[in-house]
């Protein structure tokens, strides 16, 4: 198999024999995109504003949100290698699940813009948001990244404001969004 694919799999901690039709097509075509993807993944997982544990937990949440089992398992292992507890890993995955529901619900409200829907109670349980294991600021950052992937404008604006209100920086926000974009892209190649 193509050397860049092997390097990418090794960087992610994925078994070297892993393959799929997309990887084979890119490798057979000696696609320049493989090198770009490998470099992009490495770049976003190395942040000046997020710890290695945080970058891998963000990647885990995005992979969970995108239902990419191979990447979810790889990023859970990498998060653990970088000091994440089982409870933090579970919180990142729970956040992805919760935000999937919220993003559908609030995106609908935003798109339709009817008073009847805007005034109706959501009746969605969200207790995890009150006292997350990940801490309020980082949980909001994960929520922001997942909301950006899911395309909920209202949620993105709300979570970005919450992250900054919790004392975070725009640089952390920017790095989290970069991770969300590249890990989503990676999930089109490794799934």
N, C-alpha and C. Protein backbone atom coordinates (compact mmCIF):
# COMPACT_ATOMS: atom_id res chain seq x y z
N UNK A 1 0.84 -1.19 0.00
CA UNK A 1 0.00 0.00 0.00
C UNK A 1 0.88 1.25 0.00
N UNK A 2 0.32 2.31 -0.42
CA UNK A 2 0.99 3.59 -0.54
C UNK A 2 1.65 3.99 0.79
N UNK A 3 2.87 4.48 0.73
CA UNK A 3 3.65 4.83 1.93
C UNK A 3 2.95 5.89 2.78
N UNK A 4 2.36 6.89 2.15
CA UNK A 4 1.70 7.95 2.91
C UNK A 4 0.50 7.41 3.67
N UNK A 5 -0.21 6.46 3.09
CA UNK A 5 -1.34 5.84 3.79
C UNK A 5 -0.83 5.12 5.02
N UNK A 6 0.25 4.38 4.88
CA UNK A 6 0.82 3.67 6.02
C UNK A 6 1.26 4.63 7.12
N UNK A 7 1.85 5.76 6.74
CA UNK A 7 2.27 6.76 7.72
C UNK A 7 1.05 7.36 8.43
N UNK A 8 0.01 7.66 7.68
CA UNK A 8 -1.22 8.22 8.25
C UNK A 8 -1.84 7.24 9.24
N UNK A 9 -1.96 5.99 8.84
CA UNK A 9 -2.52 4.97 9.73
C UNK A 9 -1.67 4.83 10.99
N UNK A 10 -0.36 4.84 10.83
CA UNK A 10 0.54 4.72 11.98
C UNK A 10 0.37 5.92 12.92
N UNK A 11 0.28 7.13 12.35
CA UNK A 11 0.09 8.33 13.18
C UNK A 11 -1.19 8.25 14.00
N UNK A 12 -2.22 7.63 13.42
CA UNK A 12 -3.51 7.53 14.09
C UNK A 12 -3.61 6.32 15.01
N UNK A 13 -2.65 5.42 14.93
CA UNK A 13 -2.69 4.21 15.73
C UNK A 13 -3.67 3.17 15.18
N UNK A 14 -3.91 3.23 13.87
CA UNK A 14 -4.81 2.29 13.20
C UNK A 14 -3.96 1.16 12.62
N UNK A 15 -4.45 -0.05 12.71
CA UNK A 15 -3.73 -1.22 12.23
C UNK A 15 -3.29 -1.02 10.77
N UNK A 16 -2.05 -1.38 10.45
CA UNK A 16 -1.52 -1.13 9.10
C UNK A 16 -2.25 -1.89 7.99
N UNK A 17 -2.94 -2.95 8.34
CA UNK A 17 -3.66 -3.71 7.31
C UNK A 17 -5.03 -3.11 6.98
N UNK A 18 -5.44 -2.07 7.73
CA UNK A 18 -6.73 -1.43 7.45
C UNK A 18 -6.73 -0.87 6.03
N UNK A 19 -7.82 -1.10 5.34
CA UNK A 19 -7.98 -0.52 4.01
C UNK A 19 -9.46 -0.41 3.70
N UNK A 20 -9.77 0.32 2.68
CA UNK A 20 -11.12 0.41 2.14
C UNK A 20 -10.98 0.85 0.69
N UNK A 21 -12.07 0.87 -0.03
CA UNK A 21 -12.03 1.19 -1.47
C UNK A 21 -11.48 2.59 -1.72
N UNK A 22 -11.86 3.55 -0.90
CA UNK A 22 -11.39 4.93 -1.10
C UNK A 22 -9.88 5.03 -0.93
N UNK A 23 -9.37 4.43 0.14
CA UNK A 23 -7.92 4.44 0.36
C UNK A 23 -7.19 3.75 -0.79
N UNK A 24 -7.72 2.64 -1.24
CA UNK A 24 -7.09 1.93 -2.35
C UNK A 24 -7.09 2.78 -3.62
N UNK A 25 -8.21 3.44 -3.91
CA UNK A 25 -8.28 4.30 -5.10
C UNK A 25 -7.27 5.44 -5.03
N UNK A 26 -7.19 6.08 -3.87
CA UNK A 26 -6.24 7.20 -3.71
C UNK A 26 -4.80 6.71 -3.79
N UNK A 27 -4.53 5.57 -3.18
CA UNK A 27 -3.18 5.00 -3.24
C UNK A 27 -2.80 4.58 -4.64
N UNK A 28 -3.71 3.92 -5.35
CA UNK A 28 -3.43 3.48 -6.71
C UNK A 28 -3.19 4.65 -7.65
N UNK A 29 -3.87 5.75 -7.38
CA UNK A 29 -3.71 6.95 -8.22
C UNK A 29 -2.53 7.80 -7.77
N UNK A 30 -1.86 7.38 -6.70
CA UNK A 30 -0.76 8.15 -6.12
C UNK A 30 -1.21 9.60 -5.90
N UNK A 31 -2.40 9.74 -5.32
CA UNK A 31 -3.04 11.04 -5.12
C UNK A 31 -2.20 11.95 -4.21
N UNK A 32 -1.99 13.17 -4.67
CA UNK A 32 -1.28 14.17 -3.86
C UNK A 32 -2.09 14.54 -2.62
N UNK A 33 -3.40 14.29 -2.70
CA UNK A 33 -4.26 14.63 -1.57
C UNK A 33 -3.88 13.85 -0.31
N UNK A 34 -3.39 12.64 -0.46
CA UNK A 34 -3.02 11.84 0.70
C UNK A 34 -1.98 12.55 1.57
N UNK A 35 -0.99 13.12 0.93
CA UNK A 35 0.05 13.85 1.69
C UNK A 35 -0.55 15.08 2.38
N UNK A 36 -1.40 15.80 1.65
CA UNK A 36 -2.05 16.98 2.26
C UNK A 36 -2.87 16.56 3.48
N UNK A 37 -3.64 15.50 3.33
CA UNK A 37 -4.47 15.03 4.43
C UNK A 37 -3.62 14.63 5.63
N UNK A 38 -2.57 13.87 5.38
CA UNK A 38 -1.67 13.44 6.46
C UNK A 38 -1.10 14.65 7.20
N UNK A 39 -0.64 15.63 6.44
CA UNK A 39 -0.06 16.84 7.04
C UNK A 39 -1.12 17.67 7.77
N UNK A 40 -2.31 17.75 7.20
CA UNK A 40 -3.39 18.50 7.85
C UNK A 40 -3.80 17.87 9.17
N UNK A 41 -3.90 16.54 9.19
CA UNK A 41 -4.25 15.84 10.43
C UNK A 41 -3.19 16.09 11.49
N UNK A 42 -1.95 15.93 11.11
CA UNK A 42 -0.86 16.15 12.06
C UNK A 42 -0.86 17.59 12.58
N UNK A 43 -1.12 18.54 11.69
CA UNK A 43 -1.10 19.96 12.07
C UNK A 43 -2.22 20.30 13.06
N UNK A 44 -3.43 19.80 12.81
CA UNK A 44 -4.53 20.18 13.71
C UNK A 44 -4.46 19.48 15.05
N UNK A 45 -3.81 18.32 15.09
CA UNK A 45 -3.69 17.62 16.37
C UNK A 45 -2.51 18.12 17.19
N UNK A 46 -1.79 19.09 16.64
CA UNK A 46 -0.69 19.75 17.36
C UNK A 46 -1.04 21.23 17.44
N UNK A 47 -1.55 21.63 18.58
CA UNK A 47 -2.07 22.99 18.74
C UNK A 47 -1.29 23.73 19.82
N UNK A 48 -1.09 25.00 19.60
CA UNK A 48 -0.47 25.84 20.62
C UNK A 48 -1.49 26.24 21.70
N UNK A 49 -2.79 26.08 21.38
CA UNK A 49 -3.83 26.60 22.26
C UNK A 49 -4.69 25.51 22.90
N UNK A 50 -4.47 24.28 22.48
CA UNK A 50 -5.18 23.13 23.04
C UNK A 50 -4.16 22.08 23.41
N UNK A 51 -4.40 21.37 24.50
CA UNK A 51 -3.49 20.28 24.88
C UNK A 51 -3.71 19.09 23.95
N UNK A 52 -2.77 18.17 23.97
CA UNK A 52 -2.91 16.94 23.16
C UNK A 52 -4.15 16.17 23.59
N UNK A 53 -4.43 16.15 24.87
CA UNK A 53 -5.64 15.48 25.35
C UNK A 53 -6.87 16.16 24.75
N UNK A 54 -6.89 17.48 24.75
CA UNK A 54 -8.05 18.21 24.22
C UNK A 54 -8.21 18.01 22.71
N UNK A 55 -7.10 18.04 21.97
CA UNK A 55 -7.23 17.86 20.52
C UNK A 55 -7.80 16.48 20.19
N UNK A 56 -7.35 15.48 20.94
CA UNK A 56 -7.83 14.12 20.66
C UNK A 56 -9.27 13.92 21.15
N UNK A 57 -9.67 14.57 22.23
CA UNK A 57 -11.06 14.51 22.67
C UNK A 57 -11.98 15.22 21.66
N UNK A 58 -11.52 16.33 21.12
CA UNK A 58 -12.30 17.00 20.07
C UNK A 58 -12.43 16.11 18.84
N UNK A 59 -11.33 15.49 18.43
CA UNK A 59 -11.35 14.59 17.27
C UNK A 59 -12.27 13.40 17.55
N UNK A 60 -12.26 12.91 18.78
CA UNK A 60 -13.14 11.82 19.18
C UNK A 60 -14.60 12.23 19.06
N UNK A 61 -14.94 13.41 19.57
CA UNK A 61 -16.33 13.87 19.51
C UNK A 61 -16.81 14.02 18.07
N UNK A 62 -15.96 14.58 17.22
CA UNK A 62 -16.33 14.76 15.81
C UNK A 62 -16.48 13.40 15.13
N UNK A 63 -15.57 12.47 15.40
CA UNK A 63 -15.67 11.12 14.82
C UNK A 63 -16.92 10.40 15.29
N UNK A 64 -17.24 10.56 16.56
CA UNK A 64 -18.47 9.97 17.11
C UNK A 64 -19.68 10.59 16.42
N UNK A 65 -19.69 11.90 16.33
CA UNK A 65 -20.79 12.61 15.67
C UNK A 65 -20.97 12.12 14.23
N UNK A 66 -19.86 11.88 13.56
CA UNK A 66 -19.91 11.48 12.15
C UNK A 66 -20.05 9.98 11.96
N UNK A 67 -20.17 9.25 13.08
CA UNK A 67 -20.38 7.80 13.06
C UNK A 67 -19.26 7.06 12.31
N UNK A 68 -18.02 7.42 12.62
CA UNK A 68 -16.85 6.80 12.00
C UNK A 68 -16.16 5.92 13.04
N UNK A 69 -16.52 4.65 13.07
CA UNK A 69 -16.09 3.75 14.13
C UNK A 69 -14.58 3.59 14.21
N UNK A 70 -13.92 3.44 13.09
CA UNK A 70 -12.46 3.27 13.09
C UNK A 70 -11.79 4.49 13.72
N UNK A 71 -12.22 5.68 13.31
CA UNK A 71 -11.64 6.91 13.85
C UNK A 71 -12.04 7.12 15.31
N UNK A 72 -13.28 6.79 15.65
CA UNK A 72 -13.73 6.93 17.04
C UNK A 72 -12.84 6.09 17.96
N UNK A 73 -12.60 4.84 17.57
CA UNK A 73 -11.75 3.96 18.39
C UNK A 73 -10.31 4.49 18.44
N UNK A 74 -9.81 4.96 17.32
CA UNK A 74 -8.43 5.47 17.28
C UNK A 74 -8.28 6.71 18.16
N UNK A 75 -9.23 7.64 18.07
CA UNK A 75 -9.10 8.87 18.86
C UNK A 75 -9.40 8.64 20.34
N UNK A 76 -10.23 7.68 20.66
CA UNK A 76 -10.43 7.33 22.07
C UNK A 76 -9.12 6.81 22.66
N UNK A 77 -8.44 5.95 21.92
CA UNK A 77 -7.16 5.42 22.38
C UNK A 77 -6.11 6.54 22.50
N UNK A 78 -6.06 7.42 21.51
CA UNK A 78 -5.09 8.54 21.55
C UNK A 78 -5.41 9.50 22.70
N UNK A 79 -6.69 9.75 22.95
CA UNK A 79 -7.07 10.62 24.06
C UNK A 79 -6.61 10.01 25.38
N UNK A 80 -6.81 8.70 25.51
CA UNK A 80 -6.39 7.99 26.72
C UNK A 80 -4.87 8.05 26.88
N UNK A 81 -4.15 7.85 25.77
CA UNK A 81 -2.67 7.95 25.79
C UNK A 81 -2.22 9.33 26.28
N UNK A 82 -3.03 10.34 26.03
CA UNK A 82 -2.69 11.71 26.39
C UNK A 82 -3.35 12.16 27.69
N UNK A 83 -3.79 11.19 28.50
CA UNK A 83 -4.24 11.50 29.85
C UNK A 83 -5.74 11.59 30.05
N UNK A 84 -6.55 11.35 29.04
CA UNK A 84 -8.00 11.41 29.22
C UNK A 84 -8.48 10.21 30.03
N UNK A 85 -9.42 10.46 30.90
CA UNK A 85 -10.02 9.38 31.69
C UNK A 85 -11.18 8.77 30.90
N UNK A 86 -11.64 7.63 31.37
CA UNK A 86 -12.81 7.00 30.75
C UNK A 86 -14.02 7.94 30.83
N UNK A 87 -14.15 8.64 31.95
CA UNK A 87 -15.27 9.57 32.12
C UNK A 87 -15.18 10.74 31.13
N UNK A 88 -13.98 11.24 30.86
CA UNK A 88 -13.82 12.32 29.88
C UNK A 88 -14.12 11.84 28.46
N UNK A 89 -13.68 10.64 28.16
CA UNK A 89 -13.96 10.06 26.85
C UNK A 89 -15.48 9.90 26.68
N UNK A 90 -16.14 9.38 27.70
CA UNK A 90 -17.59 9.21 27.65
C UNK A 90 -18.29 10.56 27.52
N UNK A 91 -17.80 11.58 28.21
CA UNK A 91 -18.39 12.92 28.14
C UNK A 91 -18.28 13.50 26.72
N UNK A 92 -17.13 13.31 26.08
CA UNK A 92 -16.96 13.80 24.72
C UNK A 92 -17.93 13.11 23.77
N UNK A 93 -18.13 11.82 23.96
CA UNK A 93 -19.05 11.08 23.11
C UNK A 93 -20.50 11.43 23.43
N UNK A 94 -20.82 11.62 24.70
CA UNK A 94 -22.17 12.04 25.08
C UNK A 94 -22.47 13.43 24.52
N UNK A 95 -21.48 14.30 24.54
CA UNK A 95 -21.64 15.64 23.98
C UNK A 95 -22.00 15.56 22.50
N UNK A 96 -21.31 14.71 21.77
CA UNK A 96 -21.59 14.55 20.33
C UNK A 96 -23.02 14.08 20.13
N UNK A 97 -23.47 13.15 20.93
CA UNK A 97 -24.83 12.63 20.80
C UNK A 97 -25.86 13.71 21.15
N UNK A 98 -25.67 14.38 22.28
CA UNK A 98 -26.58 15.44 22.69
C UNK A 98 -26.67 16.54 21.64
N UNK A 99 -25.51 16.96 21.13
CA UNK A 99 -25.51 18.06 20.16
C UNK A 99 -26.14 17.65 18.84
N UNK A 100 -26.08 16.38 18.49
CA UNK A 100 -26.77 15.93 17.29
C UNK A 100 -28.27 16.20 17.41
N UNK A 101 -28.83 15.91 18.58
CA UNK A 101 -30.25 16.19 18.82
C UNK A 101 -30.51 17.70 18.83
N UNK A 102 -29.71 18.42 19.60
CA UNK A 102 -29.90 19.87 19.70
C UNK A 102 -29.77 20.55 18.34
N UNK A 103 -28.79 20.13 17.57
CA UNK A 103 -28.56 20.78 16.27
C UNK A 103 -29.74 20.60 15.33
N UNK A 104 -30.34 19.42 15.32
CA UNK A 104 -31.52 19.19 14.49
C UNK A 104 -32.67 20.08 14.99
N UNK A 105 -32.90 20.04 16.28
CA UNK A 105 -34.01 20.78 16.87
C UNK A 105 -33.88 22.29 16.65
N UNK A 106 -32.74 22.84 17.03
CA UNK A 106 -32.58 24.30 16.95
C UNK A 106 -32.37 24.79 15.51
N UNK A 107 -31.81 23.96 14.67
CA UNK A 107 -31.70 24.32 13.25
C UNK A 107 -33.10 24.43 12.65
N UNK A 108 -34.00 23.51 13.02
CA UNK A 108 -35.38 23.58 12.56
C UNK A 108 -36.02 24.90 13.01
N UNK A 109 -35.89 25.21 14.30
CA UNK A 109 -36.46 26.47 14.81
C UNK A 109 -35.92 27.67 14.03
N UNK A 110 -34.63 27.67 13.81
CA UNK A 110 -33.99 28.79 13.12
C UNK A 110 -34.48 28.89 11.67
N UNK A 111 -34.55 27.77 10.98
CA UNK A 111 -34.97 27.79 9.57
C UNK A 111 -36.42 28.24 9.41
N UNK A 112 -37.31 27.72 10.26
CA UNK A 112 -38.73 27.98 10.10
C UNK A 112 -39.14 29.36 10.63
N UNK A 113 -38.54 29.76 11.72
CA UNK A 113 -38.79 31.08 12.32
C UNK A 113 -40.26 31.36 12.57
N UNK A 114 -40.95 30.41 13.17
CA UNK A 114 -42.35 30.60 13.53
C UNK A 114 -42.45 30.79 15.04
N UNK A 115 -43.24 31.75 15.44
CA UNK A 115 -43.40 32.05 16.86
C UNK A 115 -43.90 30.83 17.64
N UNK A 116 -44.79 30.06 17.05
CA UNK A 116 -45.33 28.89 17.74
C UNK A 116 -44.21 27.92 18.13
N UNK A 117 -43.27 27.69 17.22
CA UNK A 117 -42.16 26.77 17.52
C UNK A 117 -41.13 27.42 18.45
N UNK A 118 -40.87 28.69 18.25
CA UNK A 118 -39.88 29.38 19.09
C UNK A 118 -40.33 29.50 20.53
N UNK A 119 -41.64 29.55 20.77
CA UNK A 119 -42.17 29.69 22.13
C UNK A 119 -42.50 28.35 22.79
N UNK A 120 -42.55 27.30 22.00
CA UNK A 120 -42.87 25.98 22.57
C UNK A 120 -41.65 25.45 23.34
N UNK A 121 -41.90 24.82 24.50
CA UNK A 121 -40.76 24.28 25.26
C UNK A 121 -40.07 23.15 24.48
N UNK A 122 -38.76 23.13 24.57
CA UNK A 122 -37.99 22.11 23.85
C UNK A 122 -38.23 20.72 24.43
N UNK A 123 -38.33 20.63 25.73
CA UNK A 123 -38.52 19.36 26.43
C UNK A 123 -37.41 18.35 26.08
N UNK A 124 -36.20 18.85 25.97
CA UNK A 124 -35.03 18.01 25.75
C UNK A 124 -34.21 18.00 27.03
N UNK A 125 -33.86 16.82 27.51
CA UNK A 125 -33.05 16.70 28.72
C UNK A 125 -31.59 16.97 28.37
N UNK A 126 -30.96 17.88 29.12
CA UNK A 126 -29.58 18.26 28.85
C UNK A 126 -28.80 18.44 30.14
N UNK A 127 -29.03 17.59 31.12
CA UNK A 127 -28.36 17.72 32.41
C UNK A 127 -26.84 17.67 32.30
N UNK A 128 -26.33 16.96 31.33
CA UNK A 128 -24.88 16.84 31.18
C UNK A 128 -24.23 18.21 30.99
N UNK A 129 -24.96 19.16 30.43
CA UNK A 129 -24.40 20.49 30.18
C UNK A 129 -24.21 21.30 31.47
N UNK A 130 -24.92 20.94 32.52
CA UNK A 130 -24.85 21.71 33.76
C UNK A 130 -23.53 21.50 34.50
N UNK A 131 -23.04 20.28 34.52
CA UNK A 131 -21.82 19.98 35.26
C UNK A 131 -21.02 18.91 34.52
N UNK A 132 -20.49 19.24 33.35
CA UNK A 132 -19.80 18.22 32.55
C UNK A 132 -18.46 17.82 33.17
N UNK A 133 -18.12 16.56 32.99
CA UNK A 133 -16.83 16.04 33.46
C UNK A 133 -15.70 16.82 32.79
N UNK A 134 -15.89 17.21 31.53
CA UNK A 134 -14.86 17.92 30.77
C UNK A 134 -14.66 19.36 31.24
N UNK A 135 -15.50 19.85 32.13
CA UNK A 135 -15.46 21.25 32.53
C UNK A 135 -16.30 22.06 31.56
N UNK A 136 -16.88 23.13 32.05
CA UNK A 136 -17.83 23.92 31.26
C UNK A 136 -17.21 24.49 29.99
N UNK A 137 -16.04 25.11 30.10
CA UNK A 137 -15.42 25.75 28.92
C UNK A 137 -15.12 24.74 27.83
N UNK A 138 -14.51 23.61 28.19
CA UNK A 138 -14.14 22.65 27.16
C UNK A 138 -15.37 21.94 26.61
N UNK A 139 -16.36 21.65 27.46
CA UNK A 139 -17.60 21.03 26.97
C UNK A 139 -18.27 21.95 25.94
N UNK A 140 -18.27 23.24 26.21
CA UNK A 140 -18.84 24.21 25.27
C UNK A 140 -18.02 24.25 23.98
N UNK A 141 -16.70 24.10 24.09
CA UNK A 141 -15.85 24.09 22.91
C UNK A 141 -16.14 22.86 22.04
N UNK A 142 -16.32 21.71 22.68
CA UNK A 142 -16.70 20.50 21.95
C UNK A 142 -18.08 20.69 21.32
N UNK A 143 -18.99 21.27 22.06
CA UNK A 143 -20.34 21.54 21.54
C UNK A 143 -20.28 22.45 20.32
N UNK A 144 -19.43 23.43 20.38
CA UNK A 144 -19.25 24.35 19.25
C UNK A 144 -18.73 23.60 18.02
N UNK A 145 -17.72 22.78 18.21
CA UNK A 145 -17.13 22.04 17.09
C UNK A 145 -18.16 21.11 16.45
N UNK A 146 -18.90 20.37 17.25
CA UNK A 146 -19.91 19.45 16.72
C UNK A 146 -21.02 20.24 16.03
N UNK A 147 -21.42 21.35 16.60
CA UNK A 147 -22.47 22.18 15.99
C UNK A 147 -22.02 22.74 14.65
N UNK A 148 -20.75 23.09 14.54
CA UNK A 148 -20.23 23.58 13.26
C UNK A 148 -20.28 22.48 12.20
N UNK A 149 -19.90 21.26 12.59
CA UNK A 149 -19.97 20.14 11.65
C UNK A 149 -21.41 19.89 11.21
N UNK A 150 -22.35 20.01 12.15
CA UNK A 150 -23.75 19.73 11.85
C UNK A 150 -24.49 20.90 11.21
N UNK A 151 -23.83 22.04 11.12
CA UNK A 151 -24.39 23.17 10.39
C UNK A 151 -25.54 23.89 11.07
N UNK A 152 -25.51 23.98 12.39
CA UNK A 152 -26.56 24.70 13.11
C UNK A 152 -26.04 26.10 13.46
N UNK A 153 -26.47 27.08 12.69
CA UNK A 153 -26.00 28.46 12.88
C UNK A 153 -26.32 28.98 14.28
N UNK A 154 -27.55 28.76 14.74
CA UNK A 154 -27.96 29.24 16.05
C UNK A 154 -27.09 28.62 17.15
N UNK A 155 -26.82 27.32 17.04
CA UNK A 155 -26.01 26.62 18.03
C UNK A 155 -24.55 27.08 17.99
N UNK A 156 -24.03 27.26 16.78
CA UNK A 156 -22.65 27.73 16.65
C UNK A 156 -22.48 29.08 17.33
N UNK A 157 -23.38 29.99 17.06
CA UNK A 157 -23.29 31.33 17.66
C UNK A 157 -23.42 31.27 19.18
N UNK A 158 -24.35 30.47 19.66
CA UNK A 158 -24.57 30.35 21.10
C UNK A 158 -23.37 29.72 21.80
N UNK A 159 -22.83 28.63 21.25
CA UNK A 159 -21.71 27.95 21.90
C UNK A 159 -20.42 28.78 21.79
N UNK A 160 -20.23 29.48 20.70
CA UNK A 160 -19.05 30.34 20.58
C UNK A 160 -19.09 31.43 21.64
N UNK A 161 -20.27 32.00 21.85
CA UNK A 161 -20.42 33.03 22.88
C UNK A 161 -20.19 32.44 24.28
N UNK A 162 -20.70 31.23 24.51
CA UNK A 162 -20.51 30.58 25.82
C UNK A 162 -19.04 30.26 26.09
N UNK A 163 -18.33 29.81 25.05
CA UNK A 163 -16.91 29.50 25.20
C UNK A 163 -16.14 30.76 25.59
N UNK A 164 -16.39 31.84 24.90
CA UNK A 164 -15.69 33.09 25.19
C UNK A 164 -16.10 33.64 26.55
N UNK A 165 -17.36 33.52 26.90
CA UNK A 165 -17.85 33.97 28.20
C UNK A 165 -17.20 33.17 29.34
N UNK A 166 -16.86 31.91 29.06
CA UNK A 166 -16.23 31.05 30.07
C UNK A 166 -14.74 31.35 30.21
N UNK A 167 -14.25 32.35 29.47
CA UNK A 167 -12.86 32.77 29.61
C UNK A 167 -11.92 32.20 28.57
N UNK A 168 -12.45 31.54 27.58
CA UNK A 168 -11.60 30.98 26.53
C UNK A 168 -11.20 32.05 25.53
N UNK A 169 -10.40 31.65 24.57
CA UNK A 169 -9.92 32.60 23.57
C UNK A 169 -10.42 32.23 22.18
N UNK A 170 -10.42 33.21 21.32
CA UNK A 170 -10.77 32.96 19.92
C UNK A 170 -9.77 32.01 19.26
N UNK A 171 -8.54 31.98 19.76
CA UNK A 171 -7.54 31.07 19.22
C UNK A 171 -7.91 29.61 19.51
N UNK A 172 -8.44 29.35 20.70
CA UNK A 172 -8.90 27.99 21.03
C UNK A 172 -10.10 27.62 20.16
N UNK A 173 -11.00 28.57 19.97
CA UNK A 173 -12.16 28.34 19.11
C UNK A 173 -11.69 27.99 17.70
N UNK A 174 -10.78 28.79 17.18
CA UNK A 174 -10.28 28.59 15.81
C UNK A 174 -9.65 27.21 15.65
N UNK A 175 -8.82 26.82 16.62
CA UNK A 175 -8.18 25.50 16.54
C UNK A 175 -9.20 24.37 16.64
N UNK A 176 -10.22 24.54 17.46
CA UNK A 176 -11.27 23.51 17.57
C UNK A 176 -12.02 23.35 16.25
N UNK A 177 -12.29 24.46 15.58
CA UNK A 177 -13.00 24.40 14.30
C UNK A 177 -12.10 23.79 13.22
N UNK A 178 -10.83 24.09 13.27
CA UNK A 178 -9.89 23.47 12.33
C UNK A 178 -9.88 21.95 12.53
N UNK A 179 -9.87 21.50 13.77
CA UNK A 179 -9.91 20.07 14.06
C UNK A 179 -11.20 19.47 13.51
N UNK A 180 -12.32 20.12 13.78
CA UNK A 180 -13.61 19.60 13.30
C UNK A 180 -13.63 19.45 11.78
N UNK A 181 -13.07 20.43 11.09
CA UNK A 181 -13.09 20.37 9.62
C UNK A 181 -12.19 19.26 9.09
N UNK A 182 -10.99 19.14 9.62
CA UNK A 182 -10.05 18.14 9.10
C UNK A 182 -10.46 16.73 9.50
N UNK A 183 -10.97 16.55 10.70
CA UNK A 183 -11.40 15.20 11.11
C UNK A 183 -12.64 14.78 10.32
N UNK A 184 -13.50 15.72 9.99
CA UNK A 184 -14.63 15.40 9.11
C UNK A 184 -14.12 14.98 7.74
N UNK A 185 -13.13 15.69 7.23
CA UNK A 185 -12.52 15.34 5.96
C UNK A 185 -11.86 13.95 6.03
N UNK A 186 -11.13 13.69 7.10
CA UNK A 186 -10.48 12.41 7.31
C UNK A 186 -11.50 11.26 7.29
N UNK A 187 -12.67 11.52 7.84
CA UNK A 187 -13.72 10.51 7.91
C UNK A 187 -14.28 10.12 6.55
N UNK A 188 -13.98 10.89 5.52
CA UNK A 188 -14.40 10.52 4.16
C UNK A 188 -13.43 9.51 3.57
N UNK A 189 -12.25 9.38 4.19
CA UNK A 189 -11.19 8.51 3.69
C UNK A 189 -11.03 7.27 4.59
N UNK A 190 -11.14 7.48 5.89
CA UNK A 190 -11.03 6.38 6.87
C UNK A 190 -12.34 6.32 7.62
N UNK A 191 -13.03 5.22 7.43
CA UNK A 191 -14.35 5.08 8.04
C UNK A 191 -14.57 3.68 8.56
